Amino acid sequence: MAPSTHTVTNQPPPLVGHDVFTTDRVLAEAVDRHTAPDLAAGVREELALLGRSAGSTQAREWGFQANENPPRLRTHDRYGHRIDEVDFHPAWHRLLGKAVSAGLTDAWGRPAGHVRRAAGFLVWSQVEAGHGCPVSMTHAAVPALRADPALAAEWEPRLTSHVYERDLGAPGSKPGALFGMAMTEKQGGSDVRANTTAAAPVAGDEGAYLLTGHKWFCSAPMSDGFLVLAQAPDGPTCFLVPRVLADGARNVFAIQRLKDKLGNRSNASAEVEFDGTWARRVADEGRGVRTIIEMVAATRLDCAIGSAALMRQAVAQAVHHTAYRRAFGGELIDKPLMRNVLADLALESEAATTLAMRLAAAYDSDTDEERAFLRLAVPAAKYWVTKRCTPVVAEALECLGGNGYVEESGLPRLLRESPLNSIWEGSGNVQALDVLRALQREPQALNAFLQEVGRARGADHRLDRAIRDLLTELADLDGIEARARRVAERIALVLQGSLLVRWAPPEVADAFCASRLGGDWGTAFGTLPHTLDLGSVVDRARAEG
């Protein structure tokens, strides 16, 4: 019998039962923009199917279950044999299986592969972000493996397969495979050239080595294979380490423990030891950093996409809540101050999505100019978009008030996840310094960037002034390293502004340029100029419930 003390009113319905892709106007427009007309209808249908799954009650439940039941390490079986396996809740496997079957590891060999895959990754990551780690690693391993055509021929069909098989097995017996990565060590962190893991060639087996050492962070330790950096006789070298050897025997891969992380609770990150671990060399000795950087560049873009996904989900929840919640005589969404906050958040989300999808399209184009553009734009985007994620999610949570601070809302999980992409694959300083490296060593990268933003020149005086100010900043090399973050931020903001001026509705571009480029903005969200068309900006961010 229901209690009679009160009737529940003025509580928004849950944001479920909708198409996460189609209701995201910014993302849907980006897919249309960057997809050839003859492919557009099929790609939209594919993404809408995934979007409906992402918006389902079932998928939402999987996300909660996977995080409430984190992975568990089993180092030995009941008889004392070393097995080094990680057990996951069934919800994790359902999430990962859906991601693989939707083609989220298959970008490199199909038309508009990167655009459709990036959009799918942005959609499905809104359900649960942790399982995106093995999805991203598997996707990103392909360009690194292509440094060795024989290895690529063997492994690429497995990595791009749409079949998920959870159990470990001999590589040749599996229709699909997942990859992880193990680069950093206790003493070096991002300075991977300080690694001490040693690689000794195996006599009589060309390209085979035995590894001895440790890795402080190993991503997705339940995977079928790993790209690993180790010190070979001629310097740091990239290796492929399979979990199971060709004859079905387990490789030496001793998982010491799983990391107890702030967020990303559904995903396993491990410390591992190599002791005579068999590995196959990828490319020449001494070229390990250059080889694996192809993987790192792809995962850095995924960090930006993943942050865009978190921001989109947080903003969608905030807009949805305030559209249904009444206070002080009306819906919260119609209150001028709340509308200012929501519009400010929506700007940040739209700019992140628009930038991420432009970079995915550059991968599909694969011209010399686009590759040069990516060399500068990827670290700048990774730096800035991931940095914006945490304040956006925190402010969106506050829009729900105390309801947002409760686990059932889903916002606390988003908040714990939000700093992660800024740390993984090179934290803020690493990205900012990589921006400087691209500017100093690869002048074609700056030229490509200037050509890109130049396409919007003359459309907004604040953007034009920001471009001039950026060029002035780049002309002054005094103390440039100490200004690296400032430079990276300005590059990202100018690029976002130029894209929004070209492609977003006028009210969105106007608000972005006024606040982010024109300086008419405070230091907290909700400080946009009140004369802007904020209602239209908020309406564009709605997700139907």
Protein backbone atom coordinates (compact mmCIF):
# COMPACT_ATOMS: atom_id res chain seq x y z
CA MET A 1 0.00 0.00 0.00
CA ALA A 2 1.40 3.38 -1.01
CA PRO A 3 2.02 5.87 1.81
CA SER A 4 -0.55 8.66 2.04
CA THR A 5 1.72 11.40 3.37
CA HIS A 6 2.24 13.04 -0.04
CA THR A 7 1.94 12.78 -3.79
CA VAL A 8 5.08 12.96 -5.91
CA THR A 9 4.88 15.97 -8.20
CA ASN A 10 7.24 18.32 -10.03
CA GLN A 11 9.82 15.58 -10.67
CA PRO A 12 11.10 15.32 -14.27
CA PRO A 13 10.67 11.99 -16.05
CA PRO A 14 13.87 10.05 -16.73
CA LEU A 15 15.62 10.94 -19.98
CA VAL A 16 15.16 7.54 -21.64
CA GLY A 17 13.33 6.16 -24.67
CA HIS A 18 14.85 8.59 -27.15
CA ASP A 19 17.36 8.48 -30.02
CA VAL A 20 20.61 9.88 -28.66
CA PHE A 21 21.95 10.49 -32.17
CA THR A 22 18.99 12.02 -33.97
CA THR A 23 18.04 14.32 -31.10
CA ASP A 24 21.60 15.68 -31.00
CA ARG A 25 21.22 18.26 -33.74
CA VAL A 26 24.85 19.32 -33.61
CA LEU A 27 26.13 15.78 -34.12
CA ALA A 28 23.57 14.86 -36.77
CA GLU A 29 24.40 18.01 -38.75
CA ALA A 30 28.13 17.24 -38.50
CA VAL A 31 27.61 13.73 -39.86
CA ASP A 32 25.62 15.09 -42.81
CA ARG A 33 28.27 17.74 -43.41
CA HIS A 34 31.19 15.34 -43.47
CA THR A 35 29.58 12.37 -45.24
CA ALA A 36 29.27 11.99 -49.01
CA PRO A 37 25.65 12.36 -50.20
CA ASP A 38 25.48 8.81 -51.54
CA LEU A 39 26.42 7.47 -48.09
CA ALA A 40 24.50 9.89 -45.88
CA ALA A 41 21.17 8.06 -45.61
CA GLY A 42 22.81 4.74 -44.73
CA VAL A 43 25.12 6.32 -42.16
CA ARG A 44 22.23 8.20 -40.52
CA GLU A 45 20.19 5.01 -40.31
CA GLU A 46 23.13 3.13 -38.79
CA LEU A 47 23.72 5.84 -36.18
CA ALA A 48 20.02 6.25 -35.40
CA LEU A 49 19.82 2.54 -34.62
CA LEU A 50 22.74 2.91 -32.21
CA GLY A 51 21.19 6.11 -30.85
CA ARG A 52 17.95 4.34 -29.99
CA SER A 53 19.88 1.65 -28.16
CA ALA A 54 21.89 4.31 -26.29
CA GLY A 55 18.69 6.03 -25.18
CA SER A 56 17.01 2.87 -23.94
CA THR A 57 16.22 2.01 -20.35
CA GLN A 58 18.16 -1.23 -20.78
CA ALA A 59 21.39 0.50 -21.85
CA ARG A 60 21.11 2.95 -18.96
CA GLU A 61 20.82 0.01 -16.59
CA TRP A 62 23.88 -1.65 -18.12
CA GLY A 63 25.87 1.51 -17.44
CA PHE A 64 24.91 1.55 -13.78
CA GLN A 65 25.54 -2.20 -13.35
CA ALA A 66 28.97 -2.09 -14.95
CA ASN A 67 30.08 0.66 -12.55
CA GLU A 68 28.45 -0.75 -9.44
CA ASN A 69 30.21 -4.09 -10.06
CA PRO A 70 33.82 -3.21 -10.97
CA PRO A 71 36.25 -5.72 -12.50
CA ARG A 72 37.94 -8.28 -10.30
CA LEU A 73 41.44 -9.74 -10.74
CA ARG A 74 41.98 -13.50 -10.56
CA THR A 75 45.71 -14.21 -10.53
CA HIS A 76 45.43 -18.00 -10.03
CA ASP A 77 42.95 -20.76 -10.63
CA ARG A 78 41.76 -23.14 -7.89
CA TYR A 79 44.77 -25.41 -8.41
CA GLY A 80 47.36 -22.65 -8.06
CA HIS A 81 48.08 -22.15 -11.75
CA ARG A 82 48.77 -18.58 -12.77
CA ILE A 83 45.96 -17.34 -15.05
CA ASP A 84 45.97 -13.52 -14.67
CA GLU A 85 42.40 -12.97 -15.77
CA VAL A 86 40.02 -10.10 -15.10
CA ASP A 87 36.36 -10.83 -14.45
CA PHE A 88 33.72 -8.30 -15.49
CA HIS A 89 30.02 -7.99 -14.78
CA PRO A 90 27.83 -9.24 -17.68
CA ALA A 91 26.71 -5.65 -18.30
CA TRP A 92 30.28 -4.73 -19.25
CA HIS A 93 30.32 -7.45 -21.89
CA ARG A 94 26.97 -6.32 -23.25
CA LEU A 95 28.21 -2.74 -23.55
CA LEU A 96 31.45 -3.81 -25.19
CA GLY A 97 29.72 -6.28 -27.46
CA LYS A 98 27.34 -3.60 -28.67
CA ALA A 99 30.22 -1.21 -29.33
CA VAL A 100 32.12 -3.77 -31.40
CA SER A 101 29.05 -4.94 -33.33
CA ALA A 102 28.26 -1.29 -34.13
CA GLY A 103 31.65 -0.90 -35.83
CA LEU A 104 33.29 1.32 -33.23
CA THR A 105 36.63 -0.40 -33.85
CA ASP A 106 36.19 -0.32 -37.63
CA ALA A 107 37.17 3.06 -39.07
CA TRP A 108 40.22 2.54 -41.21
CA GLY A 109 38.91 0.61 -44.19
CA ARG A 110 35.34 1.70 -44.96
CA PRO A 111 33.92 4.86 -46.59
CA ALA A 112 33.47 7.76 -44.15
CA GLY A 113 34.83 5.32 -41.60
CA HIS A 114 36.21 7.86 -39.16
CA VAL A 115 33.19 10.16 -39.23
CA ARG A 116 30.67 7.37 -38.69
CA ARG A 117 32.87 5.72 -36.08
CA ALA A 118 33.52 9.01 -34.20
CA ALA A 119 29.80 9.80 -34.16
CA GLY A 120 29.02 6.31 -32.92
CA PHE A 121 31.68 6.55 -30.25
CA LEU A 122 30.24 9.89 -29.11
CA VAL A 123 26.74 8.41 -28.96
CA TRP A 124 27.54 5.12 -27.23
CA SER A 125 30.02 6.64 -24.74
CA GLN A 126 27.11 8.58 -23.26
CA VAL A 127 25.73 5.29 -21.97
CA GLU A 128 28.92 4.39 -20.10
CA ALA A 129 32.42 5.70 -20.68
CA GLY A 130 34.66 3.03 -19.13
CA HIS A 131 34.27 0.38 -21.82
CA GLY A 132 35.34 2.99 -24.35
CA CYS A 133 38.96 2.37 -23.31
CA PRO A 134 39.39 -1.02 -25.05
CA VAL A 135 37.25 0.24 -27.93
CA SER A 136 39.58 3.19 -28.41
CA MET A 137 42.78 1.16 -27.97
CA THR A 138 41.65 -1.43 -30.50
CA HIS A 139 40.68 1.20 -33.05
CA ALA A 140 43.92 3.11 -32.57
CA ALA A 141 46.24 0.09 -32.81
CA VAL A 142 45.60 -0.28 -36.55
CA PRO A 143 47.84 2.55 -37.85
CA ALA A 144 50.70 1.46 -35.58
CA LEU A 145 50.49 -2.14 -36.80
CA ARG A 146 50.57 -0.95 -40.39
CA ALA A 147 54.24 -0.12 -39.83
CA ASP A 148 54.69 -3.89 -40.27
CA PRO A 149 52.59 -5.10 -43.24
CA ALA A 150 52.77 -8.74 -42.19
CA LEU A 151 51.50 -8.02 -38.68
CA ALA A 152 48.80 -5.74 -40.06
CA ALA A 153 47.63 -8.43 -42.47
CA GLU A 154 47.35 -10.88 -39.59
CA TRP A 155 45.79 -8.68 -36.93
CA GLU A 156 43.85 -5.87 -38.64
CA PRO A 157 40.93 -8.08 -39.74
CA ARG A 158 40.50 -9.18 -36.11
CA LEU A 159 40.71 -5.66 -34.70
CA THR A 160 38.19 -4.24 -37.17
CA SER A 161 35.82 -7.20 -36.85
CA HIS A 162 32.24 -6.61 -35.71
CA VAL A 163 32.33 -9.79 -33.63
CA TYR A 164 33.07 -9.59 -29.90
CA GLU A 165 34.44 -12.69 -28.22
CA ARG A 166 35.16 -12.25 -24.54
CA ASP A 167 37.28 -15.32 -23.81
CA LEU A 168 41.02 -15.50 -24.35
CA GLY A 169 42.24 -17.89 -27.02
CA ALA A 170 44.89 -18.45 -29.66
CA PRO A 171 44.79 -15.47 -32.03
CA GLY A 172 44.07 -17.57 -35.09
CA SER A 173 41.01 -19.11 -33.44
CA LYS A 174 39.20 -15.83 -32.74
CA PRO A 175 37.00 -13.99 -35.24
CA GLY A 176 37.60 -10.72 -33.41
CA ALA A 177 40.18 -9.32 -31.00
CA LEU A 178 40.74 -6.38 -28.68
CA PHE A 179 43.98 -4.50 -28.04
CA GLY A 180 45.41 -2.65 -25.08
CA MET A 181 48.54 -0.58 -24.58
CA ALA A 182 51.37 -0.59 -22.04
CA MET A 183 53.81 2.32 -22.29
CA THR A 184 54.45 4.02 -18.96
CA GLU A 185 56.56 2.80 -16.06
CA LYS A 186 56.97 3.82 -12.42
CA GLN A 187 60.07 5.90 -12.92
CA GLY A 188 59.16 7.67 -16.16
CA GLY A 189 55.47 8.31 -16.63
CA SER A 190 55.05 10.31 -19.83
CA ASP A 191 58.83 10.30 -20.34
CA VAL A 192 58.72 6.91 -22.05
CA ARG A 193 62.34 7.16 -23.17
CA ALA A 194 63.22 6.57 -19.52
CA ASN A 195 61.62 3.11 -19.69
CA THR A 196 63.73 0.21 -18.42
CA THR A 197 61.77 -2.80 -19.70
CA ALA A 198 64.32 -4.75 -21.75
CA ALA A 199 63.79 -6.64 -24.99
CA ALA A 200 66.23 -9.43 -25.91
CA PRO A 201 66.14 -10.87 -29.46
CA VAL A 202 65.31 -14.58 -29.75
CA ALA A 203 68.02 -16.40 -31.68
CA GLY A 204 66.73 -18.04 -34.83
CA ASP A 205 63.33 -16.32 -34.71
CA GLU A 206 63.45 -13.13 -36.76
CA GLY A 207 61.49 -10.31 -35.13
CA ALA A 208 60.81 -12.24 -31.90
CA TYR A 209 61.99 -10.94 -28.52
CA LEU A 210 61.65 -11.77 -24.85
CA LEU A 211 60.65 -8.88 -22.59
CA THR A 212 61.66 -8.38 -18.97
CA GLY A 213 60.34 -5.51 -16.88
CA HIS A 214 57.16 -3.86 -15.68
CA LYS A 215 54.45 -1.45 -16.76
CA TRP A 216 52.87 0.92 -14.26
CA PHE A 217 49.76 1.50 -16.37
CA CYS A 218 48.45 -1.15 -18.72
CA SER A 219 45.19 -0.27 -20.40
CA ALA A 220 42.51 -2.95 -20.86
CA PRO A 221 44.53 -5.89 -19.42
CA MET A 222 41.89 -8.43 -20.47
CA SER A 223 42.68 -7.78 -24.15
CA ASP A 224 44.02 -10.25 -26.72
CA GLY A 225 47.12 -8.22 -27.53
CA PHE A 226 49.07 -5.14 -26.48
CA LEU A 227 51.36 -2.60 -28.02
CA VAL A 228 54.30 -2.20 -25.65
CA LEU A 229 57.42 -0.03 -25.56
CA ALA A 230 60.66 -1.67 -24.45
CA GLN A 231 64.40 -1.07 -24.75
CA ALA A 232 65.88 -3.16 -27.55
CA PRO A 233 69.64 -3.17 -28.33
CA ASP A 234 69.21 -0.16 -30.66
CA GLY A 235 66.85 1.82 -28.44
CA PRO A 236 63.13 2.15 -27.59
CA THR A 237 61.12 -0.18 -29.78
CA CYS A 238 57.46 -1.01 -30.26
CA PHE A 239 56.32 -4.60 -29.70
CA LEU A 240 53.15 -6.61 -30.07
CA VAL A 241 52.58 -8.79 -27.00
CA PRO A 242 49.83 -11.42 -27.42
CA ARG A 243 48.10 -12.73 -24.30
CA VAL A 244 47.87 -16.21 -25.85
CA LEU A 245 50.55 -17.64 -28.12
CA ALA A 246 49.88 -19.28 -31.47
CA ASP A 247 49.95 -22.76 -29.95
CA GLY A 248 47.32 -21.85 -27.37
CA ALA A 249 49.72 -21.50 -24.43
CA ARG A 250 49.41 -18.43 -22.19
CA ASN A 251 52.12 -15.82 -22.62
CA VAL A 252 53.86 -14.53 -19.48
CA PHE A 253 51.71 -11.59 -18.47
CA ALA A 254 51.59 -11.24 -14.70
CA ILE A 255 48.93 -8.77 -13.57
CA GLN A 256 50.10 -7.44 -10.20
CA ARG A 257 46.99 -5.47 -9.30
CA LEU A 258 44.16 -3.38 -10.71
CA LYS A 259 44.24 0.36 -10.10
CA ASP A 260 41.71 1.79 -7.65
CA LYS A 261 40.68 4.85 -9.66
CA LEU A 262 38.64 7.97 -8.96
CA GLY A 263 36.25 7.17 -11.79
CA ASN A 264 36.22 4.88 -14.81
CA ARG A 265 35.25 2.19 -12.33
CA SER A 266 33.89 -0.28 -14.87
CA ASN A 267 37.19 -0.46 -16.74
CA ALA A 268 40.32 -2.29 -15.62
CA SER A 269 43.70 -0.55 -15.57
CA ALA A 270 46.57 -2.68 -14.33
CA GLU A 271 50.18 -2.98 -13.29
CA VAL A 272 51.85 -5.86 -15.14
CA GLU A 273 55.19 -7.67 -15.03
CA PHE A 274 57.02 -9.22 -17.98
CA ASP A 275 59.45 -12.05 -17.26
CA GLY A 276 60.51 -13.72 -20.47
CA THR A 277 57.35 -12.52 -22.19
CA TRP A 278 57.28 -13.34 -25.89
CA ALA A 279 56.80 -10.35 -28.22
CA ARG A 280 56.96 -9.54 -31.90
CA ARG A 281 58.75 -6.38 -32.99
CA VAL A 282 56.69 -3.74 -34.80
CA ALA A 283 58.92 -1.75 -37.21
CA ASP A 284 62.66 -1.26 -36.71
CA GLU A 285 64.52 -1.11 -33.43
CA GLY A 286 64.90 2.39 -32.05
CA ARG A 287 61.73 3.65 -33.76
CA GLY A 288 59.34 2.66 -31.00
CA VAL A 289 58.11 6.13 -30.06
CA ARG A 290 57.61 7.10 -33.70
CA THR A 291 55.70 3.86 -34.33
CA ILE A 292 53.42 3.92 -31.32
CA ILE A 293 52.73 7.65 -31.68
CA GLU A 294 50.36 6.74 -34.52
CA MET A 295 48.28 4.90 -31.96
CA VAL A 296 48.60 7.70 -29.44
CA ALA A 297 47.40 10.33 -31.94
CA ALA A 298 44.22 8.34 -32.61
CA THR A 299 43.54 7.80 -28.91
CA ARG A 300 44.11 11.51 -28.24
CA LEU A 301 41.33 12.32 -30.68
CA ASP A 302 39.19 9.76 -28.87
CA CYS A 303 39.90 11.61 -25.62
CA ALA A 304 38.39 14.74 -27.19
CA ILE A 305 35.44 12.75 -28.57
CA GLY A 306 34.92 11.06 -25.21
CA SER A 307 34.92 14.41 -23.41
CA ALA A 308 32.48 15.79 -25.97
CA ALA A 309 30.24 12.80 -25.19
CA LEU A 310 30.37 13.45 -21.45
CA MET A 311 29.59 17.13 -21.98
CA ARG A 312 26.71 16.36 -24.33
CA GLN A 313 25.14 13.90 -21.89
CA ALA A 314 25.57 16.29 -18.94
CA VAL A 315 24.08 19.23 -20.85
CA ALA A 316 21.22 17.10 -22.19
CA GLN A 317 20.38 16.01 -18.64
CA ALA A 318 20.50 19.60 -17.38
CA VAL A 319 18.29 20.95 -20.15
CA HIS A 320 15.86 18.05 -19.74
CA HIS A 321 15.59 18.54 -15.99
CA THR A 322 15.04 22.27 -16.16
CA ALA A 323 12.43 21.89 -18.91
CA TYR A 324 10.23 19.86 -16.55
CA ARG A 325 11.12 21.30 -13.16
CA ARG A 326 9.02 24.23 -11.96
CA ALA A 327 10.12 26.78 -9.38
CA PHE A 328 9.07 30.30 -8.47
CA GLY A 329 6.08 30.29 -10.78
CA GLY A 330 7.46 28.71 -13.95
CA GLU A 331 9.74 26.20 -15.60
CA LEU A 332 13.37 26.62 -14.65
CA ILE A 333 14.45 26.61 -18.29
CA ASP A 334 12.49 29.84 -18.84
CA LYS A 335 14.15 31.72 -15.99
CA PRO A 336 16.59 34.25 -17.49
CA LEU A 337 19.52 33.33 -15.25
CA MET A 338 19.08 29.57 -15.70
CA ARG A 339 18.72 30.10 -19.44
CA ASN A 340 22.05 31.94 -19.42
CA VAL A 341 23.73 29.03 -17.61
CA LEU A 342 22.26 26.43 -19.95
CA ALA A 343 23.18 28.41 -23.06
CA ASP A 344 26.74 28.80 -21.83
CA LEU A 345 27.01 25.04 -21.26
CA ALA A 346 25.41 24.31 -24.62
CA LEU A 347 27.98 26.51 -26.37
CA GLU A 348 30.81 24.54 -24.83
CA SER A 349 29.23 21.24 -25.81
CA GLU A 350 28.50 22.30 -29.38
CA ALA A 351 32.01 23.66 -29.90
CA ALA A 352 33.53 20.40 -28.63
CA THR A 353 31.37 18.19 -30.84
CA THR A 354 31.88 20.34 -33.93
CA LEU A 355 35.66 20.33 -33.49
CA ALA A 356 35.87 16.59 -32.79
CA MET A 357 33.87 15.72 -35.88
CA ARG A 358 35.95 18.05 -38.07
CA LEU A 359 39.07 16.20 -36.96
CA ALA A 360 37.46 12.83 -37.67
CA ALA A 361 36.63 14.07 -41.17
CA ALA A 362 40.28 15.04 -41.65
CA TYR A 363 41.26 11.43 -40.98
CA ASP A 364 38.85 10.33 -43.70
CA SER A 365 40.24 12.87 -46.19
CA ASP A 366 43.82 11.69 -45.56
CA THR A 367 45.51 14.31 -47.77
CA ASP A 368 48.89 15.86 -47.04
CA GLU A 369 47.17 19.09 -46.02
CA GLU A 370 44.74 17.32 -43.71
CA ARG A 371 47.51 15.28 -42.09
CA ALA A 372 49.44 18.49 -41.45
CA PHE A 373 46.28 20.06 -39.99
CA LEU A 374 45.77 17.10 -37.66
CA ARG A 375 49.35 17.32 -36.42
CA LEU A 376 48.58 20.66 -34.76
CA ALA A 377 44.83 20.45 -34.25
CA VAL A 378 44.73 17.08 -32.43
CA PRO A 379 46.97 18.02 -29.46
CA ALA A 380 45.33 21.45 -29.24
CA ALA A 381 41.85 19.88 -29.24
CA LYS A 382 42.88 17.17 -26.80
CA TYR A 383 44.29 19.82 -24.49
CA TRP A 384 41.34 22.19 -24.56
CA VAL A 385 38.25 20.02 -24.97
CA THR A 386 39.28 17.64 -22.19
CA LYS A 387 40.11 20.59 -19.92
CA ARG A 388 36.62 22.03 -20.41
CA CYS A 389 34.87 18.78 -19.56
CA THR A 390 35.06 18.87 -15.76
CA PRO A 391 33.69 22.40 -15.24
CA VAL A 392 30.92 21.73 -17.76
CA VAL A 393 29.82 18.53 -16.04
CA ALA A 394 30.04 20.11 -12.58
CA GLU A 395 27.87 23.06 -13.63
CA ALA A 396 25.37 20.78 -15.36
CA LEU A 397 25.11 18.72 -12.18
CA GLU A 398 24.35 21.88 -10.23
CA CYS A 399 21.45 22.61 -12.58
CA LEU A 400 19.74 19.58 -11.06
CA GLY A 401 20.40 20.85 -7.55
CA GLY A 402 20.53 18.17 -4.86
CA ASN A 403 19.00 15.69 -7.29
CA GLY A 404 22.14 15.92 -9.39
CA TYR A 405 24.39 15.08 -6.45
CA VAL A 406 22.64 11.73 -5.97
CA GLU A 407 24.11 8.67 -7.69
CA GLU A 408 20.80 7.66 -9.27
CA SER A 409 20.88 10.75 -11.47
CA GLY A 410 24.00 9.52 -13.25
CA LEU A 411 25.69 12.92 -12.95
CA PRO A 412 28.13 11.91 -10.17
CA ARG A 413 29.49 9.15 -12.42
CA LEU A 414 29.94 11.67 -15.23
CA LEU A 415 31.73 14.02 -12.84
CA ARG A 416 34.16 11.32 -11.64
CA GLU A 417 34.85 10.41 -15.25
CA SER A 418 35.30 13.99 -16.45
CA PRO A 419 39.00 14.62 -15.52
CA LEU A 420 40.21 11.35 -17.02
CA ASN A 421 40.59 12.24 -20.69
CA SER A 422 42.75 15.22 -19.77
CA ILE A 423 45.17 12.85 -18.03
CA TRP A 424 45.27 9.80 -20.29
CA GLU A 425 47.36 9.79 -23.47
CA GLY A 426 49.43 12.71 -22.23
CA SER A 427 48.18 15.26 -19.70
CA GLY A 428 47.74 18.97 -20.27
CA ASN A 429 51.40 19.98 -20.24
CA VAL A 430 52.33 17.14 -22.58
CA GLN A 431 49.69 18.26 -25.08
CA ALA A 432 50.64 21.91 -24.86
CA LEU A 433 54.31 21.10 -25.42
CA ASP A 434 53.35 18.89 -28.36
CA VAL A 435 51.56 21.88 -29.86
CA LEU A 436 54.81 23.85 -29.60
CA ARG A 437 56.73 20.95 -31.10
CA ALA A 438 54.44 20.89 -34.11
CA LEU A 439 54.75 24.66 -34.55
CA GLN A 440 58.54 24.60 -34.31
CA ARG A 441 59.34 21.48 -36.35
CA GLU A 442 56.51 21.23 -38.87
CA PRO A 443 55.72 24.61 -40.48
CA GLN A 444 53.22 22.93 -42.80
CA ALA A 445 51.06 22.21 -39.74
CA LEU A 446 50.67 25.92 -38.98
CA ASN A 447 50.03 26.66 -42.64
CA ALA A 448 47.26 24.05 -42.75
CA PHE A 449 45.73 25.44 -39.55
CA LEU A 450 45.76 28.99 -40.90
CA GLN A 451 44.15 27.84 -44.12
CA GLU A 452 41.41 26.16 -42.11
CA VAL A 453 40.57 29.14 -39.90
CA GLY A 454 41.05 31.47 -42.85
CA ARG A 455 37.96 29.98 -44.47
CA ALA A 456 35.91 31.93 -41.91
CA ARG A 457 37.90 35.16 -42.12
CA GLY A 458 35.75 38.24 -42.58
CA ALA A 459 32.59 36.62 -41.19
CA ASP A 460 33.02 37.88 -37.61
CA HIS A 461 35.20 40.76 -36.47
CA ARG A 462 35.93 39.11 -33.11
CA LEU A 463 37.21 35.99 -34.82
CA ASP A 464 39.35 38.08 -37.17
CA ARG A 465 40.87 39.91 -34.20
CA ALA A 466 41.50 36.61 -32.37
CA ILE A 467 43.37 35.25 -35.40
CA ARG A 468 45.54 38.37 -35.52
CA ASP A 469 46.23 38.15 -31.79
CA LEU A 470 47.20 34.49 -32.15
CA LEU A 471 49.68 35.30 -34.91
CA THR A 472 51.18 38.01 -32.72
CA GLU A 473 51.49 35.49 -29.89
CA LEU A 474 53.24 32.99 -32.17
CA ALA A 475 55.67 35.61 -33.47
CA ASP A 476 57.01 36.19 -29.95
CA LEU A 477 59.25 33.25 -29.02
CA ASP A 478 60.42 34.72 -25.70
CA GLY A 479 59.40 32.36 -22.91
CA ILE A 480 57.34 30.30 -25.33
CA GLU A 481 57.47 27.11 -23.22
CA ALA A 482 55.97 28.87 -20.21
CA ARG A 483 53.21 30.13 -22.52
CA ALA A 484 52.50 26.74 -24.09
CA ARG A 485 49.11 26.28 -22.45
CA ARG A 486 48.07 29.79 -23.45
CA VAL A 487 49.07 29.08 -27.05
CA ALA A 488 47.27 25.73 -27.15
CA GLU A 489 44.13 27.28 -25.69
CA ARG A 490 44.09 30.11 -28.20
CA ILE A 491 44.63 27.75 -31.12
CA ALA A 492 41.72 25.58 -29.98
CA LEU A 493 39.38 28.53 -29.37
CA VAL A 494 40.16 30.17 -32.70
CA LEU A 495 39.59 26.87 -34.46
CA GLN A 496 36.31 26.26 -32.65
CA GLY A 497 35.18 29.80 -33.40
CA SER A 498 35.99 29.48 -37.09
CA LEU A 499 34.04 26.22 -37.38
CA LEU A 500 31.00 27.61 -35.59
CA VAL A 501 31.02 30.77 -37.72
CA ARG A 502 30.97 28.59 -40.83
CA TRP A 503 28.51 25.91 -39.76
CA ALA A 504 26.50 26.76 -36.63
CA PRO A 505 23.32 28.87 -36.52
CA PRO A 506 24.11 32.62 -36.26
CA GLU A 507 22.95 32.85 -32.65
CA VAL A 508 25.39 30.11 -31.61
CA ALA A 509 28.35 31.59 -33.48
CA ASP A 510 27.53 35.07 -32.16
CA ALA A 511 27.40 33.88 -28.55
CA PHE A 512 30.62 31.90 -28.88
CA CYS A 513 32.56 34.71 -30.51
CA ALA A 514 31.25 37.32 -28.07
CA SER A 515 32.22 35.28 -25.01
CA ARG A 516 35.16 33.05 -25.91
CA LEU A 517 36.86 35.33 -28.43
CA GLY A 518 35.50 38.79 -27.70
CA GLY A 519 36.04 38.71 -23.94
CA ASP A 520 32.44 39.60 -23.01
CA TRP A 521 32.21 36.83 -20.45
CA GLY A 522 32.81 36.17 -16.76
CA THR A 523 34.81 33.44 -15.07
CA ALA A 524 31.82 31.18 -14.37
CA PHE A 525 29.13 29.70 -16.59
CA GLY A 526 26.01 31.81 -16.88
CA THR A 527 27.79 35.08 -17.57
CA LEU A 528 26.98 35.50 -21.28
CA PRO A 529 25.83 38.91 -22.49
CA HIS A 530 22.09 39.11 -21.81
CA THR A 531 21.41 40.68 -25.20
CA LEU A 532 22.22 37.44 -27.06
CA ASP A 533 19.56 35.03 -28.34
CA LEU A 534 20.12 32.54 -25.53
CA GLY A 535 16.75 30.82 -25.85
CA SER A 536 17.59 29.55 -29.34
CA VAL A 537 20.94 28.24 -28.13
CA VAL A 538 19.25 26.28 -25.34
CA ASP A 539 16.49 24.92 -27.58
CA ARG A 540 19.14 23.52 -29.91
CA ALA A 541 20.58 21.49 -27.04
CA ARG A 542 17.33 19.73 -26.07
CA ALA A 543 17.11 15.95 -26.15
CA GLU A 544 13.62 14.53 -26.36
CA GLY A 545 12.55 12.31 -23.46
